[in-house]
Amino acid sequence: MRVLDRVAALNLSLVMAHQADAAYWKEWEMFGLPGGIQLFTLFNLTAFLLLLWLYSAVVSRQRTGFRDSFLIAGLSGIVLPIHAAFTYAGFTEFHLPVSIAVIIGTFVVSIWQAILTWRARMEFEGGAP
């Protein structure tokens, strides 16, 4: 397995861990979303399916995998800015050390993934559409 594939897998793992943590903190209430845990679970099922579909294009080095790796990095990377905004707005959720580490980790690993994606761009040139 290539380094980019491992880093993307780490990034997905961090996002999934964050979303498990988000269920504990009732993140849907922070966003003001209706439906409670039921809708939140359906959202996460859809989001994880999409992220895993994008990841499959990365590891198989399909032509779209280049873009998809940046999408994974971008979607994962916005976790920190969103939660920084929540903190700035006065929310006190996600204050535990592991919650904070996972949020920061998604941002750091997303930058790492974006750099590795750019460096691996030639690997995606000859992939299937």
N, C-alpha and C. Protein backbone atom coordinates (compact mmCIF):
# COMPACT_ATOMS: atom_id res chain seq x y z
N MET A 1 0.85 -1.18 0.00
CA MET A 1 0.00 0.00 0.00
C MET A 1 0.89 1.24 0.00
N ARG A 2 0.57 2.19 -0.86
CA ARG A 2 1.35 3.42 -0.99
C ARG A 2 1.09 4.35 0.19
N VAL A 3 2.04 5.26 0.40
CA VAL A 3 1.93 6.19 1.53
C VAL A 3 0.64 7.01 1.43
N LEU A 4 0.32 7.53 0.24
CA LEU A 4 -0.90 8.31 0.07
C LEU A 4 -2.13 7.51 0.51
N ASP A 5 -2.18 6.24 0.13
CA ASP A 5 -3.32 5.40 0.49
C ASP A 5 -3.44 5.27 2.01
N ARG A 6 -2.32 5.11 2.67
CA ARG A 6 -2.32 4.98 4.14
C ARG A 6 -2.74 6.28 4.81
N VAL A 7 -2.24 7.38 4.30
CA VAL A 7 -2.59 8.68 4.88
C VAL A 7 -4.07 8.98 4.66
N ALA A 8 -4.59 8.67 3.48
CA ALA A 8 -6.02 8.86 3.22
C ALA A 8 -6.85 7.97 4.14
N ALA A 9 -6.40 6.74 4.37
CA ALA A 9 -7.11 5.84 5.29
C ALA A 9 -7.08 6.40 6.72
N LEU A 10 -5.95 6.93 7.12
CA LEU A 10 -5.85 7.57 8.44
C LEU A 10 -6.81 8.75 8.53
N ASN A 11 -6.87 9.54 7.48
CA ASN A 11 -7.76 10.70 7.46
C ASN A 11 -9.22 10.26 7.60
N LEU A 12 -9.61 9.24 6.85
CA LEU A 12 -10.98 8.72 6.95
C LEU A 12 -11.25 8.18 8.35
N SER A 13 -10.28 7.52 8.93
CA SER A 13 -10.44 6.99 10.29
C SER A 13 -10.64 8.11 11.30
N LEU A 14 -9.88 9.18 11.14
CA LEU A 14 -10.04 10.33 12.04
C LEU A 14 -11.43 10.97 11.90
N VAL A 15 -11.89 11.10 10.67
CA VAL A 15 -13.22 11.67 10.45
C VAL A 15 -14.30 10.76 11.06
N MET A 16 -14.16 9.47 10.87
CA MET A 16 -15.14 8.54 11.44
C MET A 16 -15.11 8.58 12.97
N ALA A 17 -13.92 8.66 13.55
CA ALA A 17 -13.81 8.79 15.00
C ALA A 17 -14.44 10.09 15.46
N HIS A 18 -14.21 11.16 14.71
CA HIS A 18 -14.82 12.44 15.07
C HIS A 18 -16.34 12.35 15.02
N GLN A 19 -16.88 11.70 14.02
CA GLN A 19 -18.33 11.60 13.90
C GLN A 19 -18.93 10.73 15.01
N ALA A 20 -18.19 9.73 15.47
CA ALA A 20 -18.64 8.95 16.63
C ALA A 20 -18.66 9.86 17.86
N ASP A 21 -17.61 10.67 18.01
CA ASP A 21 -17.55 11.64 19.10
C ASP A 21 -18.67 12.66 18.96
N ALA A 22 -18.95 13.06 17.73
CA ALA A 22 -20.01 14.04 17.47
C ALA A 22 -21.38 13.53 17.90
N ALA A 23 -21.60 12.23 17.80
CA ALA A 23 -22.86 11.66 18.27
C ALA A 23 -22.97 11.82 19.79
N TYR A 24 -21.86 11.62 20.48
CA TYR A 24 -21.85 11.81 21.93
C TYR A 24 -22.20 13.25 22.31
N TRP A 25 -21.62 14.20 21.57
CA TRP A 25 -21.82 15.62 21.87
C TRP A 25 -23.11 16.18 21.26
N LYS A 26 -23.87 15.35 20.56
CA LYS A 26 -25.12 15.78 19.90
C LYS A 26 -24.86 16.97 18.96
N GLU A 27 -23.94 16.74 18.05
CA GLU A 27 -23.52 17.79 17.13
C GLU A 27 -24.66 18.36 16.30
N TRP A 28 -25.67 17.58 16.01
CA TRP A 28 -26.80 18.06 15.22
C TRP A 28 -27.47 19.24 15.91
N GLU A 29 -27.44 19.28 17.24
CA GLU A 29 -28.02 20.41 17.96
C GLU A 29 -27.17 21.66 17.76
N MET A 30 -25.85 21.51 17.66
CA MET A 30 -24.96 22.65 17.42
C MET A 30 -25.24 23.27 16.06
N PHE A 31 -25.56 22.42 15.08
CA PHE A 31 -25.89 22.90 13.74
C PHE A 31 -27.35 23.33 13.62
N GLY A 32 -28.15 23.04 14.64
CA GLY A 32 -29.57 23.37 14.61
C GLY A 32 -30.36 22.50 13.65
N LEU A 33 -29.93 21.26 13.49
CA LEU A 33 -30.59 20.35 12.55
C LEU A 33 -31.70 19.56 13.24
N PRO A 34 -32.81 19.35 12.54
CA PRO A 34 -33.88 18.53 13.10
C PRO A 34 -33.55 17.04 12.94
N GLY A 35 -34.35 16.21 13.55
CA GLY A 35 -34.23 14.77 13.33
C GLY A 35 -33.40 14.02 14.35
N GLY A 36 -32.68 14.72 15.19
CA GLY A 36 -31.92 14.07 16.26
C GLY A 36 -30.94 13.03 15.76
N ILE A 37 -30.72 12.04 16.59
CA ILE A 37 -29.72 11.01 16.28
C ILE A 37 -30.11 10.20 15.05
N GLN A 38 -31.40 10.07 14.77
CA GLN A 38 -31.83 9.28 13.61
C GLN A 38 -31.35 9.90 12.30
N LEU A 39 -31.60 11.17 12.11
CA LEU A 39 -31.17 11.85 10.90
C LEU A 39 -29.64 11.97 10.86
N PHE A 40 -29.03 12.18 12.01
CA PHE A 40 -27.58 12.27 12.10
C PHE A 40 -26.94 10.95 11.66
N THR A 41 -27.52 9.84 12.08
CA THR A 41 -27.01 8.53 11.68
C THR A 41 -27.16 8.33 10.18
N LEU A 42 -28.30 8.71 9.61
CA LEU A 42 -28.48 8.59 8.16
C LEU A 42 -27.51 9.49 7.40
N PHE A 43 -27.28 10.69 7.91
CA PHE A 43 -26.29 11.58 7.30
C PHE A 43 -24.92 10.93 7.28
N ASN A 44 -24.52 10.36 8.41
CA ASN A 44 -23.20 9.74 8.50
C ASN A 44 -23.08 8.51 7.62
N LEU A 45 -24.13 7.73 7.52
CA LEU A 45 -24.12 6.58 6.63
C LEU A 45 -23.86 7.03 5.19
N THR A 46 -24.56 8.08 4.78
CA THR A 46 -24.39 8.62 3.43
C THR A 46 -22.99 9.21 3.24
N ALA A 47 -22.54 9.98 4.23
CA ALA A 47 -21.21 10.60 4.15
C ALA A 47 -20.11 9.56 4.09
N PHE A 48 -20.18 8.53 4.92
CA PHE A 48 -19.15 7.50 4.93
C PHE A 48 -19.14 6.72 3.63
N LEU A 49 -20.32 6.45 3.08
CA LEU A 49 -20.40 5.75 1.79
C LEU A 49 -19.73 6.58 0.71
N LEU A 50 -20.01 7.88 0.67
CA LEU A 50 -19.38 8.77 -0.30
C LEU A 50 -17.86 8.79 -0.11
N LEU A 51 -17.39 8.97 1.11
CA LEU A 51 -15.96 9.03 1.36
C LEU A 51 -15.25 7.74 0.98
N LEU A 52 -15.88 6.60 1.26
CA LEU A 52 -15.27 5.31 0.90
C LEU A 52 -15.26 5.12 -0.62
N TRP A 53 -16.29 5.61 -1.29
CA TRP A 53 -16.33 5.55 -2.75
C TRP A 53 -15.20 6.40 -3.33
N LEU A 54 -15.00 7.60 -2.78
CA LEU A 54 -13.89 8.45 -3.23
C LEU A 54 -12.56 7.77 -2.96
N TYR A 55 -12.43 7.15 -1.80
CA TYR A 55 -11.19 6.47 -1.42
C TYR A 55 -10.86 5.33 -2.38
N SER A 56 -11.87 4.61 -2.83
CA SER A 56 -11.62 3.49 -3.75
C SER A 56 -10.99 3.98 -5.05
N ALA A 57 -11.38 5.16 -5.52
CA ALA A 57 -10.77 5.73 -6.73
C ALA A 57 -9.32 6.13 -6.49
N VAL A 58 -9.01 6.53 -5.25
CA VAL A 58 -7.64 6.90 -4.91
C VAL A 58 -6.74 5.66 -4.92
N VAL A 59 -7.14 4.62 -4.20
CA VAL A 59 -6.27 3.44 -4.07
C VAL A 59 -6.14 2.67 -5.38
N SER A 60 -7.15 2.75 -6.24
CA SER A 60 -7.07 2.07 -7.53
C SER A 60 -6.40 2.95 -8.60
N ARG A 61 -6.03 4.16 -8.21
CA ARG A 61 -5.35 5.12 -9.08
C ARG A 61 -6.15 5.42 -10.35
N GLN A 62 -7.47 5.48 -10.20
CA GLN A 62 -8.30 5.92 -11.31
C GLN A 62 -7.99 7.39 -11.58
N ARG A 63 -8.24 7.83 -12.78
CA ARG A 63 -7.98 9.23 -13.14
C ARG A 63 -8.70 10.18 -12.18
N THR A 64 -9.93 9.83 -11.79
CA THR A 64 -10.70 10.68 -10.87
C THR A 64 -10.15 10.62 -9.44
N GLY A 65 -9.29 9.67 -9.15
CA GLY A 65 -8.73 9.54 -7.81
C GLY A 65 -7.92 10.74 -7.38
N PHE A 66 -7.30 11.42 -8.32
CA PHE A 66 -6.54 12.63 -8.01
C PHE A 66 -7.47 13.67 -7.40
N ARG A 67 -8.56 13.96 -8.10
CA ARG A 67 -9.56 14.91 -7.60
C ARG A 67 -10.19 14.40 -6.30
N ASP A 68 -10.49 13.11 -6.27
CA ASP A 68 -11.17 12.52 -5.11
C ASP A 68 -10.31 12.58 -3.85
N SER A 69 -9.00 12.44 -4.01
CA SER A 69 -8.12 12.55 -2.86
C SER A 69 -8.15 13.97 -2.30
N PHE A 70 -8.16 14.96 -3.19
CA PHE A 70 -8.29 16.34 -2.73
C PHE A 70 -9.65 16.59 -2.07
N LEU A 71 -10.71 15.95 -2.58
CA LEU A 71 -12.04 16.09 -1.96
C LEU A 71 -12.03 15.51 -0.54
N ILE A 72 -11.42 14.34 -0.38
CA ILE A 72 -11.34 13.74 0.96
C ILE A 72 -10.57 14.67 1.89
N ALA A 73 -9.43 15.17 1.42
CA ALA A 73 -8.62 16.07 2.24
C ALA A 73 -9.40 17.34 2.58
N GLY A 74 -10.11 17.88 1.61
CA GLY A 74 -10.88 19.10 1.84
C GLY A 74 -12.03 18.90 2.81
N LEU A 75 -12.79 17.82 2.60
CA LEU A 75 -13.92 17.56 3.48
C LEU A 75 -13.46 17.25 4.90
N SER A 76 -12.35 16.56 5.03
CA SER A 76 -11.81 16.26 6.36
C SER A 76 -11.19 17.50 6.98
N GLY A 77 -10.56 18.30 6.15
CA GLY A 77 -9.87 19.48 6.64
C GLY A 77 -10.77 20.57 7.19
N ILE A 78 -12.05 20.57 6.81
CA ILE A 78 -12.95 21.62 7.31
C ILE A 78 -13.46 21.35 8.72
N VAL A 79 -13.16 20.17 9.26
CA VAL A 79 -13.61 19.85 10.63
C VAL A 79 -13.06 20.87 11.62
N LEU A 80 -11.77 21.17 11.55
CA LEU A 80 -11.17 22.12 12.50
C LEU A 80 -11.77 23.52 12.37
N PRO A 81 -11.84 24.11 11.18
CA PRO A 81 -12.44 25.45 11.09
C PRO A 81 -13.89 25.51 11.59
N ILE A 82 -14.66 24.47 11.30
CA ILE A 82 -16.05 24.44 11.77
C ILE A 82 -16.08 24.46 13.30
N HIS A 83 -15.24 23.64 13.91
CA HIS A 83 -15.26 23.55 15.37
C HIS A 83 -14.60 24.76 16.03
N ALA A 84 -13.68 25.39 15.35
CA ALA A 84 -13.13 26.65 15.86
C ALA A 84 -14.24 27.70 15.88
N ALA A 85 -15.06 27.72 14.84
CA ALA A 85 -16.19 28.66 14.79
C ALA A 85 -17.20 28.36 15.90
N PHE A 86 -17.45 27.08 16.16
CA PHE A 86 -18.35 26.71 17.26
C PHE A 86 -17.79 27.21 18.59
N THR A 87 -16.50 27.02 18.80
CA THR A 87 -15.87 27.48 20.04
C THR A 87 -15.98 29.00 20.16
N TYR A 88 -15.70 29.69 19.06
CA TYR A 88 -15.81 31.15 19.04
C TYR A 88 -17.24 31.60 19.34
N ALA A 89 -18.23 30.80 18.91
CA ALA A 89 -19.64 31.13 19.14
C ALA A 89 -20.09 30.79 20.56
N GLY A 90 -19.20 30.18 21.35
CA GLY A 90 -19.53 29.91 22.74
C GLY A 90 -19.91 28.48 23.08
N PHE A 91 -19.87 27.59 22.10
CA PHE A 91 -20.17 26.19 22.39
C PHE A 91 -19.03 25.58 23.22
N THR A 92 -19.40 24.73 24.16
CA THR A 92 -18.39 24.12 25.03
C THR A 92 -18.20 22.63 24.76
N GLU A 93 -18.88 22.10 23.77
CA GLU A 93 -18.72 20.70 23.42
C GLU A 93 -17.33 20.46 22.82
N PHE A 94 -16.95 19.20 22.73
CA PHE A 94 -15.67 18.80 22.13
C PHE A 94 -14.47 19.39 22.89
N HIS A 95 -14.58 19.48 24.20
CA HIS A 95 -13.51 20.07 25.00
C HIS A 95 -12.57 19.03 25.62
N LEU A 96 -12.87 17.76 25.45
CA LEU A 96 -12.01 16.71 26.03
C LEU A 96 -10.75 16.54 25.18
N PRO A 97 -9.66 16.10 25.79
CA PRO A 97 -8.38 16.00 25.08
C PRO A 97 -8.43 15.15 23.81
N VAL A 98 -9.09 14.01 23.84
CA VAL A 98 -9.14 13.17 22.64
C VAL A 98 -10.00 13.83 21.56
N SER A 99 -11.09 14.47 21.95
CA SER A 99 -11.92 15.21 20.98
C SER A 99 -11.09 16.27 20.27
N ILE A 100 -10.33 17.02 21.04
CA ILE A 100 -9.49 18.08 20.48
C ILE A 100 -8.41 17.49 19.57
N ALA A 101 -7.77 16.42 20.04
CA ALA A 101 -6.70 15.79 19.25
C ALA A 101 -7.22 15.27 17.91
N VAL A 102 -8.40 14.67 17.92
CA VAL A 102 -8.97 14.15 16.67
C VAL A 102 -9.29 15.29 15.72
N ILE A 103 -9.86 16.37 16.24
CA ILE A 103 -10.19 17.53 15.39
C ILE A 103 -8.93 18.13 14.78
N ILE A 104 -7.91 18.33 15.60
CA ILE A 104 -6.64 18.87 15.08
C ILE A 104 -6.01 17.88 14.11
N GLY A 105 -6.09 16.60 14.46
CA GLY A 105 -5.53 15.55 13.60
C GLY A 105 -6.13 15.55 12.21
N THR A 106 -7.44 15.76 12.09
CA THR A 106 -8.05 15.78 10.76
C THR A 106 -7.46 16.90 9.91
N PHE A 107 -7.19 18.03 10.53
CA PHE A 107 -6.65 19.17 9.79
C PHE A 107 -5.21 18.91 9.34
N VAL A 108 -4.39 18.44 10.27
CA VAL A 108 -2.98 18.18 9.96
C VAL A 108 -2.85 17.08 8.91
N VAL A 109 -3.59 16.00 9.09
CA VAL A 109 -3.52 14.88 8.14
C VAL A 109 -4.09 15.29 6.78
N SER A 110 -5.07 16.17 6.76
CA SER A 110 -5.62 16.65 5.49
C SER A 110 -4.58 17.43 4.69
N ILE A 111 -3.81 18.26 5.37
CA ILE A 111 -2.73 18.99 4.69
C ILE A 111 -1.70 18.00 4.15
N TRP A 112 -1.33 17.05 4.98
CA TRP A 112 -0.38 16.01 4.57
C TRP A 112 -0.90 15.26 3.35
N GLN A 113 -2.18 14.88 3.39
CA GLN A 113 -2.78 14.16 2.26
C GLN A 113 -2.77 15.02 1.00
N ALA A 114 -3.09 16.28 1.11
CA ALA A 114 -3.10 17.16 -0.07
C ALA A 114 -1.70 17.26 -0.68
N ILE A 115 -0.68 17.37 0.15
CA ILE A 115 0.70 17.43 -0.35
C ILE A 115 1.06 16.12 -1.06
N LEU A 116 0.74 14.99 -0.43
CA LEU A 116 1.04 13.69 -1.04
C LEU A 116 0.27 13.48 -2.34
N THR A 117 -0.97 13.98 -2.37
CA THR A 117 -1.79 13.86 -3.58
C THR A 117 -1.13 14.61 -4.73
N TRP A 118 -0.70 15.83 -4.45
CA TRP A 118 -0.04 16.62 -5.50
C TRP A 118 1.23 15.91 -5.98
N ARG A 119 1.99 15.38 -5.06
CA ARG A 119 3.23 14.69 -5.43
C ARG A 119 2.97 13.43 -6.24
N ALA A 120 1.82 12.79 -6.02
CA ALA A 120 1.48 11.53 -6.70
C ALA A 120 0.65 11.76 -7.97
N ARG A 121 0.53 13.01 -8.41
CA ARG A 121 -0.37 13.32 -9.54
C ARG A 121 -0.10 12.50 -10.78
N MET A 122 1.15 12.18 -11.06
CA MET A 122 1.47 11.41 -12.25
C MET A 122 0.95 9.97 -12.17
N GLU A 123 0.75 9.47 -10.96
CA GLU A 123 0.21 8.11 -10.80
C GLU A 123 -1.23 8.01 -11.27
N PHE A 124 -1.93 9.13 -11.34
CA PHE A 124 -3.35 9.15 -11.71
C PHE A 124 -3.55 9.43 -13.20
N GLU A 125 -2.51 9.81 -13.90
CA GLU A 125 -2.61 10.20 -15.30
C GLU A 125 -3.16 9.09 -16.20
N GLY A 126 -2.70 7.88 -16.01
CA GLY A 126 -3.08 6.80 -16.90
C GLY A 126 -4.21 5.94 -16.38
N GLY A 127 -4.86 6.37 -15.30
CA GLY A 127 -5.93 5.56 -14.69
C GLY A 127 -7.17 5.48 -15.54
N ALA A 128 -8.04 4.58 -15.17
CA ALA A 128 -9.32 4.42 -15.87
C ALA A 128 -10.21 5.62 -15.53
N PRO A 129 -11.10 6.01 -16.45
CA PRO A 129 -11.99 7.17 -16.19
C PRO A 129 -12.98 6.89 -15.09
